[in-house]
Amino acid sequence: MKLAFLFHPVKDLQESQKYYEGLGMTEAWREGNQVLGLTMPESEVQLMIEEDEHDLGPGGVFLVDSVDHFYEENETRLNFIKMPCSIPPGRYAIYKDETGNPIRIIDFTNKD
């Protein structure tokens, strides 16, 4: 498991992009008008901002080899609140840690 993104839900993607770019970040990738990845100076970890999941709050997005395999190995041990699902780059799921923080996992299995 490797930290790939810091996730921040935002109300307005365009306004938030301007704000973060004002802090020296640059656009790395985009998924439509709802999700944006930003590179941060001197960091391999990117900031992912999205107009979704406001109720869960910010947190890390961790890269795993296979979301489905991770889920199968941990489904009875961890509190999954979003079952594995397909997203453009691969698969995605969310579970909560012991104190209720969301832990997002992703894989990049869809490499078209």
PDB file of N, CA and C in Angstrom:
ATOM      1  N   MET A   1       0.855  -1.162   0.000  1.00  0.00           N
ATOM      2  CA  MET A   1       0.000   0.000   0.000  1.00  0.00           C
ATOM      3  C   MET A   1       0.909   1.235   0.000  1.00  0.00           C
ATOM      4  N   LYS A   2       0.618   2.141  -0.926  1.00  0.00           N
ATOM      5  CA  LYS A   2       1.434   3.346  -1.076  1.00  0.00           C
ATOM      6  C   LYS A   2       0.512   4.552  -1.205  1.00  0.00           C
ATOM      7  N   LEU A   3       0.819   5.628  -0.499  1.00  0.00           N
ATOM      8  CA  LEU A   3       0.023   6.844  -0.598  1.00  0.00           C
ATOM      9  C   LEU A   3       0.194   7.442  -1.990  1.00  0.00           C
ATOM     10  N   ALA A   4      -0.912   7.566  -2.721  1.00  0.00           N
ATOM     11  CA  ALA A   4      -0.881   8.109  -4.077  1.00  0.00           C
ATOM     12  C   ALA A   4      -1.412   9.528  -4.135  1.00  0.00           C
ATOM     13  N   PHE A   5      -2.489   9.795  -3.386  1.00  0.00           N
ATOM     14  CA  PHE A   5      -3.134  11.105  -3.413  1.00  0.00           C
ATOM     15  C   PHE A   5      -3.559  11.521  -2.011  1.00  0.00           C
ATOM     16  N   LEU A   6      -3.613  12.815  -1.794  1.00  0.00           N
ATOM     17  CA  LEU A   6      -4.361  13.376  -0.681  1.00  0.00           C
ATOM     18  C   LEU A   6      -5.681  13.823  -1.282  1.00  0.00           C
ATOM     19  N   PHE A   7      -6.779  13.375  -0.711  1.00  0.00           N
ATOM     20  CA  PHE A   7      -8.103  13.672  -1.247  1.00  0.00           C
ATOM     21  C   PHE A   7      -8.741  14.811  -0.462  1.00  0.00           C
ATOM     22  N   HIS A   8      -9.226  15.807  -1.189  1.00  0.00           N
ATOM     23  CA  HIS A   8      -9.970  16.906  -0.580  1.00  0.00           C
ATOM     24  C   HIS A   8     -11.261  17.115  -1.358  1.00  0.00           C
ATOM     25  N   PRO A   9     -12.411  16.907  -0.721  1.00  0.00           N
ATOM     26  CA  PRO A   9     -13.666  17.238  -1.398  1.00  0.00           C
ATOM     27  C   PRO A   9     -13.800  18.757  -1.462  1.00  0.00           C
ATOM     28  N   VAL A  10     -14.301  19.259  -2.585  1.00  0.00           N
ATOM     29  CA  VAL A  10     -14.459  20.702  -2.765  1.00  0.00           C
ATOM     30  C   VAL A  10     -15.862  21.001  -3.274  1.00  0.00           C
ATOM     31  N   LYS A  11     -16.316  22.230  -3.067  1.00  0.00           N
ATOM     32  CA  LYS A  11     -17.638  22.639  -3.542  1.00  0.00           C
ATOM     33  C   LYS A  11     -17.598  23.084  -4.993  1.00  0.00           C
ATOM     34  N   ASP A  12     -16.509  23.715  -5.408  1.00  0.00           N
ATOM     35  CA  ASP A  12     -16.394  24.245  -6.762  1.00  0.00           C
ATOM     36  C   ASP A  12     -15.009  23.915  -7.301  1.00  0.00           C
ATOM     37  N   LEU A  13     -14.951  23.014  -8.269  1.00  0.00           N
ATOM     38  CA  LEU A  13     -13.672  22.537  -8.785  1.00  0.00           C
ATOM     39  C   LEU A  13     -12.840  23.667  -9.395  1.00  0.00           C
ATOM     40  N   GLN A  14     -13.458  24.519 -10.201  1.00  0.00           N
ATOM     41  CA  GLN A  14     -12.709  25.594 -10.861  1.00  0.00           C
ATOM     42  C   GLN A  14     -12.137  26.587  -9.859  1.00  0.00           C
ATOM     43  N   GLU A  15     -12.933  26.996  -8.900  1.00  0.00           N
ATOM     44  CA  GLU A  15     -12.443  27.938  -7.888  1.00  0.00           C
ATOM     45  C   GLU A  15     -11.345  27.302  -7.044  1.00  0.00           C
ATOM     46  N   SER A  16     -11.514  26.037  -6.709  1.00  0.00           N
ATOM     47  CA  SER A  16     -10.499  25.345  -5.912  1.00  0.00           C
ATOM     48  C   SER A  16      -9.209  25.175  -6.710  1.00  0.00           C
ATOM     49  N   GLN A  17      -9.326  24.904  -8.003  1.00  0.00           N
ATOM     50  CA  GLN A  17      -8.138  24.786  -8.841  1.00  0.00           C
ATOM     51  C   GLN A  17      -7.348  26.099  -8.833  1.00  0.00           C
ATOM     52  N   LYS A  18      -8.035  27.210  -8.968  1.00  0.00           N
ATOM     53  CA  LYS A  18      -7.363  28.523  -8.924  1.00  0.00           C
ATOM     54  C   LYS A  18      -6.649  28.711  -7.592  1.00  0.00           C
ATOM     55  N   TYR A  19      -7.328  28.345  -6.510  1.00  0.00           N
ATOM     56  CA  TYR A  19      -6.747  28.500  -5.176  1.00  0.00           C
ATOM     57  C   TYR A  19      -5.458  27.695  -5.041  1.00  0.00           C
ATOM     58  N   TYR A  20      -5.517  26.408  -5.386  1.00  0.00           N
ATOM     59  CA  TYR A  20      -4.345  25.544  -5.218  1.00  0.00           C
ATOM     60  C   TYR A  20      -3.226  25.897  -6.194  1.00  0.00           C
ATOM     61  N   GLU A  21      -3.580  26.314  -7.395  1.00  0.00           N
ATOM     62  CA  GLU A  21      -2.545  26.765  -8.328  1.00  0.00           C
ATOM     63  C   GLU A  21      -1.863  28.026  -7.808  1.00  0.00           C
ATOM     64  N   GLY A  22      -2.601  28.847  -7.089  1.00  0.00           N
ATOM     65  CA  GLY A  22      -2.018  30.028  -6.441  1.00  0.00           C
ATOM     66  C   GLY A  22      -1.003  29.661  -5.373  1.00  0.00           C
ATOM     67  N   LEU A  23      -1.084  28.420  -4.887  1.00  0.00           N
ATOM     68  CA  LEU A  23      -0.125  27.917  -3.893  1.00  0.00           C
ATOM     69  C   LEU A  23       1.052  27.197  -4.550  1.00  0.00           C
ATOM     70  N   GLY A  24       1.102  27.229  -5.886  1.00  0.00           N
ATOM     71  CA  GLY A  24       2.223  26.635  -6.602  1.00  0.00           C
ATOM     72  C   GLY A  24       1.986  25.242  -7.148  1.00  0.00           C
ATOM     73  N   MET A  25       0.772  24.734  -7.046  1.00  0.00           N
ATOM     74  CA  MET A  25       0.466  23.408  -7.585  1.00  0.00           C
ATOM     75  C   MET A  25       0.082  23.545  -9.058  1.00  0.00           C
ATOM     76  N   THR A  26       0.244  22.444  -9.815  1.00  0.00           N
ATOM     77  CA  THR A  26      -0.116  22.462 -11.229  1.00  0.00           C
ATOM     78  C   THR A  26      -0.973  21.252 -11.566  1.00  0.00           C
ATOM     79  N   GLU A  27      -1.841  21.413 -12.561  1.00  0.00           N
ATOM     80  CA  GLU A  27      -2.727  20.334 -12.974  1.00  0.00           C
ATOM     81  C   GLU A  27      -1.912  19.172 -13.529  1.00  0.00           C
ATOM     82  N   ALA A  28      -2.203  17.972 -13.040  1.00  0.00           N
ATOM     83  CA  ALA A  28      -1.529  16.760 -13.500  1.00  0.00           C
ATOM     84  C   ALA A  28      -2.445  15.929 -14.391  1.00  0.00           C
ATOM     85  N   TRP A  29      -3.720  15.876 -14.059  1.00  0.00           N
ATOM     86  CA  TRP A  29      -4.705  15.107 -14.810  1.00  0.00           C
ATOM     87  C   TRP A  29      -6.098  15.574 -14.417  1.00  0.00           C
ATOM     88  N   ARG A  30      -7.073  15.153 -15.201  1.00  0.00           N
ATOM     89  CA  ARG A  30      -8.461  15.558 -14.963  1.00  0.00           C
ATOM     90  C   ARG A  30      -9.390  14.444 -15.428  1.00  0.00           C
ATOM     91  N   GLU A  31     -10.472  14.233 -14.680  1.00  0.00           N
ATOM     92  CA  GLU A  31     -11.548  13.330 -15.079  1.00  0.00           C
ATOM     93  C   GLU A  31     -12.806  14.180 -15.213  1.00  0.00           C
ATOM     94  N   GLY A  32     -13.089  14.630 -16.412  1.00  0.00           N
ATOM     95  CA  GLY A  32     -14.269  15.457 -16.647  1.00  0.00           C
ATOM     96  C   GLY A  32     -14.195  16.764 -15.893  1.00  0.00           C
ATOM     97  N   ASN A  33     -15.354  17.206 -15.421  1.00  0.00           N
ATOM     98  CA  ASN A  33     -15.434  18.475 -14.683  1.00  0.00           C
ATOM     99  C   ASN A  33     -15.634  18.261 -13.189  1.00  0.00           C
ATOM    100  N   GLN A  34     -15.342  17.042 -12.709  1.00  0.00           N
ATOM    101  CA  GLN A  34     -15.612  16.742 -11.303  1.00  0.00           C
ATOM    102  C   GLN A  34     -14.370  16.367 -10.502  1.00  0.00           C
ATOM    103  N   VAL A  35     -13.318  15.856 -11.156  1.00  0.00           N
ATOM    104  CA  VAL A  35     -12.134  15.377 -10.440  1.00  0.00           C
ATOM    105  C   VAL A  35     -10.880  15.936 -11.100  1.00  0.00           C
ATOM    106  N   LEU A  36      -9.943  16.372 -10.254  1.00  0.00           N
ATOM    107  CA  LEU A  36      -8.709  16.966 -10.757  1.00  0.00           C
ATOM    108  C   LEU A  36      -7.546  16.549  -9.874  1.00  0.00           C
ATOM    109  N   GLY A  37      -6.436  16.172 -10.499  1.00  0.00           N
ATOM    110  CA  GLY A  37      -5.207  15.863  -9.777  1.00  0.00           C
ATOM    111  C   GLY A  37      -4.222  17.004  -9.946  1.00  0.00           C
ATOM    112  N   LEU A  38      -3.572  17.373  -8.866  1.00  0.00           N
ATOM    113  CA  LEU A  38      -2.598  18.466  -8.873  1.00  0.00           C
ATOM    114  C   LEU A  38      -1.262  17.983  -8.332  1.00  0.00           C
ATOM    115  N   THR A  39      -0.198  18.349  -9.023  1.00  0.00           N
ATOM    116  CA  THR A  39       1.129  18.038  -8.497  1.00  0.00           C
ATOM    117  C   THR A  39       1.505  19.092  -7.475  1.00  0.00           C
ATOM    118  N   MET A  40       2.217  18.647  -6.457  1.00  0.00           N
ATOM    119  CA  MET A  40       2.686  19.547  -5.416  1.00  0.00           C
ATOM    120  C   MET A  40       4.205  19.642  -5.539  1.00  0.00           C
ATOM    121  N   PRO A  41       4.744  20.841  -5.412  1.00  0.00           N
ATOM    122  CA  PRO A  41       6.195  20.986  -5.530  1.00  0.00           C
ATOM    123  C   PRO A  41       6.942  20.046  -4.579  1.00  0.00           C
ATOM    124  N   GLU A  42       7.963  19.398  -5.103  1.00  0.00           N
ATOM    125  CA  GLU A  42       8.865  18.540  -4.329  1.00  0.00           C
ATOM    126  C   GLU A  42       8.163  17.378  -3.626  1.00  0.00           C
ATOM    127  N   SER A  43       7.095  16.839  -4.253  1.00  0.00           N
ATOM    128  CA  SER A  43       6.379  15.712  -3.665  1.00  0.00           C
ATOM    129  C   SER A  43       5.923  14.767  -4.761  1.00  0.00           C
ATOM    130  N   GLU A  44       6.019  13.470  -4.494  1.00  0.00           N
ATOM    131  CA  GLU A  44       5.486  12.483  -5.425  1.00  0.00           C
ATOM    132  C   GLU A  44       3.983  12.307  -5.245  1.00  0.00           C
ATOM    133  N   VAL A  45       3.481  12.663  -4.078  1.00  0.00           N
ATOM    134  CA  VAL A  45       2.062  12.543  -3.787  1.00  0.00           C
ATOM    135  C   VAL A  45       1.333  13.710  -4.440  1.00  0.00           C
ATOM    136  N   GLN A  46       0.193  13.414  -5.047  1.00  0.00           N
ATOM    137  CA  GLN A  46      -0.610  14.454  -5.676  1.00  0.00           C
ATOM    138  C   GLN A  46      -1.810  14.787  -4.800  1.00  0.00           C
ATOM    139  N   LEU A  47      -2.336  15.984  -4.993  1.00  0.00           N
ATOM    140  CA  LEU A  47      -3.584  16.387  -4.357  1.00  0.00           C
ATOM    141  C   LEU A  47      -4.702  16.107  -5.340  1.00  0.00           C
ATOM    142  N   MET A  48      -5.708  15.360  -4.902  1.00  0.00           N
ATOM    143  CA  MET A  48      -6.869  15.080  -5.732  1.00  0.00           C
ATOM    144  C   MET A  48      -8.042  15.848  -5.151  1.00  0.00           C
ATOM    145  N   ILE A  49      -8.624  16.741  -5.948  1.00  0.00           N
ATOM    146  CA  ILE A  49      -9.806  17.471  -5.498  1.00  0.00           C
ATOM    147  C   ILE A  49     -11.002  16.991  -6.317  1.00  0.00           C
ATOM    148  N   GLU A  50     -12.141  16.897  -5.643  1.00  0.00           N
ATOM    149  CA  GLU A  50     -13.318  16.324  -6.291  1.00  0.00           C
ATOM    150  C   GLU A  50     -14.580  16.923  -5.701  1.00  0.00           C
ATOM    151  N   GLU A  51     -15.579  17.102  -6.535  1.00  0.00           N
ATOM    152  CA  GLU A  51     -16.870  17.608  -6.089  1.00  0.00           C
ATOM    153  C   GLU A  51     -17.761  16.435  -5.667  1.00  0.00           C
ATOM    154  N   ASP A  52     -17.276  15.634  -4.716  1.00  0.00           N
ATOM    155  CA  ASP A  52     -18.009  14.452  -4.265  1.00  0.00           C
ATOM    156  C   ASP A  52     -17.485  14.044  -2.886  1.00  0.00           C
ATOM    157  N   GLU A  53     -18.205  13.147  -2.246  1.00  0.00           N
ATOM    158  CA  GLU A  53     -17.820  12.567  -0.951  1.00  0.00           C
ATOM    159  C   GLU A  53     -17.586  13.615   0.138  1.00  0.00           C
ATOM    160  N   HIS A  54     -18.387  14.680   0.127  1.00  0.00           N
ATOM    161  CA  HIS A  54     -18.247  15.723   1.147  1.00  0.00           C
ATOM    162  C   HIS A  54     -18.497  15.190   2.553  1.00  0.00           C
ATOM    163  N   ASP A  55     -19.414  14.249   2.662  1.00  0.00           N
ATOM    164  CA  ASP A  55     -19.760  13.728   3.989  1.00  0.00           C
ATOM    165  C   ASP A  55     -18.639  12.902   4.606  1.00  0.00           C
ATOM    166  N   LEU A  56     -17.727  12.394   3.790  1.00  0.00           N
ATOM    167  CA  LEU A  56     -16.619  11.594   4.316  1.00  0.00           C
ATOM    168  C   LEU A  56     -15.421  12.439   4.714  1.00  0.00           C
ATOM    169  N   GLY A  57     -15.267  13.596   4.110  1.00  0.00           N
ATOM    170  CA  GLY A  57     -14.146  14.463   4.432  1.00  0.00           C
ATOM    171  C   GLY A  57     -12.867  14.071   3.713  1.00  0.00           C
ATOM    172  N   PRO A  58     -11.791  14.797   3.995  1.00  0.00           N
ATOM    173  CA  PRO A  58     -10.510  14.546   3.333  1.00  0.00           C
ATOM    174  C   PRO A  58      -9.818  13.307   3.888  1.00  0.00           C
ATOM    175  N   GLY A  59      -8.811  12.865   3.154  1.00  0.00           N
ATOM    176  CA  GLY A  59      -8.020  11.729   3.613  1.00  0.00           C
ATOM    177  C   GLY A  59      -7.093  11.244   2.520  1.00  0.00           C
ATOM    178  N   GLY A  60      -6.401  10.168   2.805  1.00  0.00           N
ATOM    179  CA  GLY A  60      -5.468   9.596   1.846  1.00  0.00           C
ATOM    180  C   GLY A  60      -6.141   8.644   0.883  1.00  0.00           C
ATOM    181  N   VAL A  61      -5.573   8.550  -0.311  1.00  0.00           N
ATOM    182  CA  VAL A  61      -5.967   7.542  -1.295  1.00  0.00           C
ATOM    183  C   VAL A  61      -4.732   6.676  -1.508  1.00  0.00           C
ATOM    184  N   PHE A  62      -4.862   5.399  -1.184  1.00  0.00           N
ATOM    185  CA  PHE A  62      -3.722   4.499  -1.205  1.00  0.00           C
ATOM    186  C   PHE A  62      -3.779   3.570  -2.406  1.00  0.00           C
ATOM    187  N   LEU A  63      -2.653   3.445  -3.076  1.00  0.00           N
ATOM    188  CA  LEU A  63      -2.521   2.571  -4.228  1.00  0.00           C
ATOM    189  C   LEU A  63      -2.246   1.148  -3.759  1.00  0.00           C
ATOM    190  N   VAL A  64      -3.046   0.202  -4.252  1.00  0.00           N
ATOM    191  CA  VAL A  64      -2.841  -1.221  -3.986  1.00  0.00           C
ATOM    192  C   VAL A  64      -2.740  -1.938  -5.334  1.00  0.00           C
ATOM    193  N   ASP A  65      -2.186  -3.136  -5.333  1.00  0.00           N
ATOM    194  CA  ASP A  65      -2.071  -3.899  -6.580  1.00  0.00           C
ATOM    195  C   ASP A  65      -3.436  -4.238  -7.151  1.00  0.00           C
ATOM    196  N   SER A  66      -4.353  -4.647  -6.285  1.00  0.00           N
ATOM    197  CA  SER A  66      -5.696  -5.031  -6.714  1.00  0.00           C
ATOM    198  C   SER A  66      -6.698  -4.690  -5.611  1.00  0.00           C
ATOM    199  N   VAL A  67      -7.618  -3.791  -5.899  1.00  0.00           N
ATOM    200  CA  VAL A  67      -8.663  -3.451  -4.934  1.00  0.00           C
ATOM    201  C   VAL A  67      -9.501  -4.686  -4.620  1.00  0.00           C
ATOM    202  N   ASP A  68      -9.833  -5.454  -5.644  1.00  0.00           N
ATOM    203  CA  ASP A  68     -10.666  -6.640  -5.421  1.00  0.00           C
ATOM    204  C   ASP A  68      -9.969  -7.661  -4.521  1.00  0.00           C
ATOM    205  N   HIS A  69      -8.696  -7.885  -4.749  1.00  0.00           N
ATOM    206  CA  HIS A  69      -7.935  -8.819  -3.923  1.00  0.00           C
ATOM    207  C   HIS A  69      -7.832  -8.295  -2.487  1.00  0.00           C
ATOM    208  N   PHE A  70      -7.556  -6.998  -2.315  1.00  0.00           N
ATOM    209  CA  PHE A  70      -7.485  -6.388  -0.985  1.00  0.00           C
ATOM    210  C   PHE A  70      -8.820  -6.562  -0.256  1.00  0.00           C
ATOM    211  N   TYR A  71      -9.907  -6.304  -0.973  1.00  0.00           N
ATOM    212  CA  TYR A  71     -11.241  -6.459  -0.384  1.00  0.00           C
ATOM    213  C   TYR A  71     -11.491  -7.904   0.049  1.00  0.00           C
ATOM    214  N   GLU A  72     -11.196  -8.849  -0.830  1.00  0.00           N
ATOM    215  CA  GLU A  72     -11.409 -10.260  -0.508  1.00  0.00           C
ATOM    216  C   GLU A  72     -10.622 -10.689   0.727  1.00  0.00           C
ATOM    217  N   GLU A  73      -9.404 -10.194   0.859  1.00  0.00           N
ATOM    218  CA  GLU A  73      -8.566 -10.561   2.014  1.00  0.00           C
ATOM    219  C   GLU A  73      -9.006  -9.875   3.304  1.00  0.00           C
ATOM    220  N   ASN A  74      -9.713  -8.743   3.205  1.00  0.00           N
ATOM    221  CA  ASN A  74     -10.005  -7.936   4.397  1.00  0.00           C
ATOM    222  C   ASN A  74     -11.482  -7.638   4.635  1.00  0.00           C
ATOM    223  N   GLU A  75     -12.391  -8.190   3.842  1.00  0.00           N
ATOM    224  CA  GLU A  75     -13.800  -7.803   3.942  1.00  0.00           C
ATOM    225  C   GLU A  75     -14.425  -8.089   5.306  1.00  0.00           C
ATOM    226  N   THR A  76     -13.969  -9.120   6.016  1.00  0.00           N
ATOM    227  CA  THR A  76     -14.541  -9.417   7.326  1.00  0.00           C
ATOM    228  C   THR A  76     -13.802  -8.696   8.451  1.00  0.00           C
ATOM    229  N   ARG A  77     -12.620  -8.187   8.155  1.00  0.00           N
ATOM    230  CA  ARG A  77     -11.792  -7.539   9.170  1.00  0.00           C
ATOM    231  C   ARG A  77     -11.935  -6.023   9.181  1.00  0.00           C
ATOM    232  N   LEU A  78     -12.227  -5.438   8.022  1.00  0.00           N
ATOM    233  CA  LEU A  78     -12.309  -3.984   7.901  1.00  0.00           C
ATOM    234  C   LEU A  78     -13.749  -3.553   7.644  1.00  0.00           C
ATOM    235  N   ASN A  79     -14.057  -2.305   7.994  1.00  0.00           N
ATOM    236  CA  ASN A  79     -15.396  -1.742   7.840  1.00  0.00           C
ATOM    237  C   ASN A  79     -15.502  -1.030   6.485  1.00  0.00           C
ATOM    238  N   PHE A  80     -15.826  -1.780   5.440  1.00  0.00           N
ATOM    239  CA  PHE A  80     -15.961  -1.190   4.108  1.00  0.00           C
ATOM    240  C   PHE A  80     -17.266  -0.423   4.012  1.00  0.00           C
ATOM    241  N   ILE A  81     -17.176   0.820   3.568  1.00  0.00           N
ATOM    242  CA  ILE A  81     -18.368   1.650   3.393  1.00  0.00           C
ATOM    243  C   ILE A  81     -18.659   1.915   1.917  1.00  0.00           C
ATOM    244  N   LYS A  82     -17.722   1.603   1.051  1.00  0.00           N
ATOM    245  CA  LYS A  82     -17.933   1.636  -0.401  1.00  0.00           C
ATOM    246  C   LYS A  82     -17.259   0.390  -0.961  1.00  0.00           C
ATOM    247  N   MET A  83     -18.082  -0.486  -1.509  1.00  0.00           N
ATOM    248  CA  MET A  83     -17.570  -1.735  -2.056  1.00  0.00           C
ATOM    249  C   MET A  83     -16.774  -1.443  -3.331  1.00  0.00           C
ATOM    250  N   PRO A  84     -15.886  -2.354  -3.722  1.00  0.00           N
ATOM    251  CA  PRO A  84     -15.106  -2.135  -4.933  1.00  0.00           C
ATOM    252  C   PRO A  84     -15.993  -1.804  -6.130  1.00  0.00           C
ATOM    253  N   CYS A  85     -15.582  -0.792  -6.859  1.00  0.00           N
ATOM    254  CA  CYS A  85     -16.324  -0.360  -8.035  1.00  0.00           C
ATOM    255  C   CYS A  85     -15.330   0.095  -9.105  1.00  0.00           C
ATOM    256  N   SER A  86     -15.807   0.140 -10.333  1.00  0.00           N
ATOM    257  CA  SER A  86     -14.961   0.574 -11.441  1.00  0.00           C
ATOM    258  C   SER A  86     -14.980   2.089 -11.572  1.00  0.00           C
ATOM    259  N   ILE A  87     -13.807   2.645 -11.816  1.00  0.00           N
ATOM    260  CA  ILE A  87     -13.631   4.060 -12.131  1.00  0.00           C
ATOM    261  C   ILE A  87     -12.693   4.108 -13.335  1.00  0.00           C
ATOM    262  N   PRO A  88     -12.590   5.245 -14.020  1.00  0.00           N
ATOM    263  CA  PRO A  88     -11.784   5.256 -15.249  1.00  0.00           C
ATOM    264  C   PRO A  88     -10.377   4.642 -15.142  1.00  0.00           C
ATOM    265  N   PRO A  89      -9.592   4.914 -14.086  1.00  0.00           N
ATOM    266  CA  PRO A  89      -8.258   4.312 -14.100  1.00  0.00           C
ATOM    267  C   PRO A  89      -8.188   2.871 -13.592  1.00  0.00           C
ATOM    268  N   GLY A  90      -9.271   2.360 -12.979  1.00  0.00           N
ATOM    269  CA  GLY A  90      -9.201   0.998 -12.437  1.00  0.00           C
ATOM    270  C   GLY A  90     -10.349   0.686 -11.506  1.00  0.00           C
ATOM    271  N   ARG A  91      -9.995   0.351 -10.250  1.00  0.00           N
ATOM    272  CA  ARG A  91     -10.990  -0.017  -9.239  1.00  0.00           C
ATOM    273  C   ARG A  91     -10.769   0.834  -7.998  1.00  0.00           C
ATOM    274  N   TYR A  92     -11.845   0.994  -7.192  1.00  0.00           N
ATOM    275  CA  TYR A  92     -11.840   1.923  -6.077  1.00  0.00           C
ATOM    276  C   TYR A  92     -12.741   1.378  -4.979  1.00  0.00           C
ATOM    277  N   ALA A  93     -12.366   1.587  -3.725  1.00  0.00           N
ATOM    278  CA  ALA A  93     -13.190   1.207  -2.573  1.00  0.00           C
ATOM    279  C   ALA A  93     -12.803   2.099  -1.392  1.00  0.00           C
ATOM    280  N   ILE A  94     -13.655   2.099  -0.369  1.00  0.00           N
ATOM    281  CA  ILE A  94     -13.386   2.893   0.837  1.00  0.00           C
ATOM    282  C   ILE A  94     -13.743   2.059   2.060  1.00  0.00           C
ATOM    283  N   TYR A  95     -12.871   2.102   3.055  1.00  0.00           N
ATOM    284  CA  TYR A  95     -13.202   1.543   4.362  1.00  0.00           C
ATOM    285  C   TYR A  95     -12.847   2.578   5.415  1.00  0.00           C
ATOM    286  N   LYS A  96     -13.344   2.384   6.633  1.00  0.00           N
ATOM    287  CA  LYS A  96     -13.038   3.307   7.726  1.00  0.00           C
ATOM    288  C   LYS A  96     -12.105   2.643   8.719  1.00  0.00           C
ATOM    289  N   ASP A  97     -11.172   3.450   9.256  1.00  0.00           N
ATOM    290  CA  ASP A  97     -10.280   2.927  10.279  1.00  0.00           C
ATOM    291  C   ASP A  97     -11.007   2.889  11.621  1.00  0.00           C
ATOM    292  N   GLU A  98     -10.308   2.508  12.661  1.00  0.00           N
ATOM    293  CA  GLU A  98     -10.926   2.319  13.984  1.00  0.00           C
ATOM    294  C   GLU A  98     -11.519   3.593  14.569  1.00  0.00           C
ATOM    295  N   THR A  99     -11.079   4.763  14.096  1.00  0.00           N
ATOM    296  CA  THR A  99     -11.618   6.023  14.621  1.00  0.00           C
ATOM    297  C   THR A  99     -12.570   6.700  13.643  1.00  0.00           C
ATOM    298  N   GLY A 100     -12.929   6.011  12.571  1.00  0.00           N
ATOM    299  CA  GLY A 100     -13.916   6.534  11.632  1.00  0.00           C
ATOM    300  C   GLY A 100     -13.369   7.316  10.451  1.00  0.00           C
ATOM    301  N   ASN A 101     -12.038   7.362  10.310  1.00  0.00           N
ATOM    302  CA  ASN A 101     -11.454   8.067   9.170  1.00  0.00           C
ATOM    303  C   ASN A 101     -11.588   7.231   7.903  1.00  0.00           C
ATOM    304  N   PRO A 102     -11.960   7.865   6.772  1.00  0.00           N
ATOM    305  CA  PRO A 102     -12.052   7.097   5.529  1.00  0.00           C
ATOM    306  C   PRO A 102     -10.678   6.771   4.972  1.00  0.00           C
ATOM    307  N   ILE A 103     -10.503   5.529   4.572  1.00  0.00           N
ATOM    308  CA  ILE A 103      -9.286   5.075   3.902  1.00  0.00           C
ATOM    309  C   ILE A 103      -9.720   4.652   2.505  1.00  0.00           C
ATOM    310  N   ARG A 104      -9.280   5.399   1.525  1.00  0.00           N
ATOM    311  CA  ARG A 104      -9.629   5.110   0.137  1.00  0.00           C
ATOM    312  C   ARG A 104      -8.513   4.290  -0.498  1.00  0.00           C
ATOM    313  N   ILE A 105      -8.903   3.265  -1.248  1.00  0.00           N
ATOM    314  CA  ILE A 105      -7.905   2.464  -1.967  1.00  0.00           C
ATOM    315  C   ILE A 105      -8.248   2.478  -3.454  1.00  0.00           C
ATOM    316  N   ILE A 106      -7.217   2.421  -4.263  1.00  0.00           N
ATOM    317  CA  ILE A 106      -7.364   2.486  -5.713  1.00  0.00           C
ATOM    318  C   ILE A 106      -6.338   1.570  -6.355  1.00  0.00           C
ATOM    319  N   ASP A 107      -6.687   1.054  -7.528  1.00  0.00           N
ATOM    320  CA  ASP A 107      -5.673   0.402  -8.355  1.00  0.00           C
ATOM    321  C   ASP A 107      -5.796   0.989  -9.755  1.00  0.00           C
ATOM    322  N   PHE A 108      -4.758   0.812 -10.527  1.00  0.00           N
ATOM    323  CA  PHE A 108      -4.730   1.347 -11.884  1.00  0.00           C
ATOM    324  C   PHE A 108      -4.750   0.199 -12.887  1.00  0.00           C
ATOM    325  N   THR A 109      -5.747  -0.679 -12.745  1.00  0.00           N
ATOM    326  CA  THR A 109      -5.825  -1.873 -13.580  1.00  0.00           C
ATOM    327  C   THR A 109      -6.424  -1.605 -14.946  1.00  0.00           C
ATOM    328  N   ASN A 110      -7.028  -0.451 -15.158  1.00  0.00           N
ATOM    329  CA  ASN A 110      -7.617  -0.107 -16.445  1.00  0.00           C
ATOM    330  C   ASN A 110      -6.661   0.806 -17.195  1.00  0.00           C
ATOM    331  N   LYS A 111      -5.687   0.221 -17.841  1.00  0.00           N
ATOM    332  CA  LYS A 111      -4.632   0.976 -18.515  1.00  0.00           C
ATOM    333  C   LYS A 111      -4.860   0.968 -20.019  1.00  0.00           C
ATOM    334  N   ASP A 112      -5.975   1.539 -20.459  1.00  0.00           N
ATOM    335  CA  ASP A 112      -6.281   1.563 -21.898  1.00  0.00           C
ATOM    336  C   ASP A 112      -5.321   2.401 -22.671  1.00  0.00           C
TER     337      ASP A 112
END
